[in-house]
Protein backbone atom coordinates (compact mmCIF):
# COMPACT_ATOMS: atom_id res chain seq x y z
CA MET A 1 20.30 -21.89 12.43
CA SER A 2 19.26 -21.03 15.95
CA GLN A 3 15.64 -20.96 16.98
CA ASN A 4 15.89 -17.27 17.87
CA SER A 5 16.96 -16.23 14.37
CA LYS A 6 14.15 -18.28 12.81
CA ILE A 7 11.62 -16.47 14.99
CA LYS A 8 13.12 -13.08 14.08
CA ARG A 9 13.02 -13.95 10.39
CA GLU A 10 9.35 -15.01 10.60
CA ASN A 11 8.43 -11.84 12.45
CA TYR A 12 10.28 -9.75 9.87
CA ALA A 13 8.50 -11.54 7.02
CA LYS A 14 5.10 -10.93 8.64
CA ARG A 15 5.90 -7.27 9.17
CA GLN A 16 7.07 -6.87 5.57
CA GLU A 17 3.89 -8.50 4.28
CA GLU A 18 1.70 -6.17 6.33
CA GLU A 19 3.66 -3.13 5.17
CA GLY A 20 3.39 -4.28 1.55
CA LYS A 21 -0.37 -4.62 1.82
CA ASN A 22 -0.54 -1.18 3.40
CA VAL A 23 1.49 0.38 0.58
CA VAL A 24 -0.70 -1.23 -2.07
CA LYS A 25 -3.81 0.03 -0.28
CA TRP A 26 -2.51 3.61 -0.21
CA ILE A 27 -1.47 3.49 -3.86
CA ILE A 28 -4.98 2.37 -4.84
CA ILE A 29 -6.55 5.09 -2.69
CA GLY A 30 -4.27 7.69 -4.26
CA LEU A 31 -5.17 6.57 -7.77
CA LEU A 32 -8.88 6.68 -6.96
CA VAL A 33 -8.56 10.21 -5.55
CA LEU A 34 -6.63 11.34 -8.62
CA GLY A 35 -9.24 9.73 -10.87
CA VAL A 36 -12.08 11.54 -9.12
CA ALA A 37 -10.17 14.81 -9.24
CA PHE A 38 -9.52 14.34 -12.96
CA ALA A 39 -13.19 13.54 -13.59
CA ILE A 40 -14.25 16.70 -11.76
CA TRP A 41 -11.65 18.76 -13.60
CA THR A 42 -12.72 17.48 -17.02
CA THR A 43 -16.41 18.12 -16.36
CA THR A 44 -15.76 21.71 -15.25
CA GLN A 45 -13.77 22.63 -18.37
CA VAL A 46 -15.53 24.66 -21.05
């Protein structure tokens, strides 16, 4: 395998890892927001 393709593969792997971490972060943030919204909704019900 050429050196150039190894470098491209490493860069791709790094980029995928960063994107994966970003997706996980946004999923957690979304769940927290939904949890807070649900808590507010349940406390305002009669």
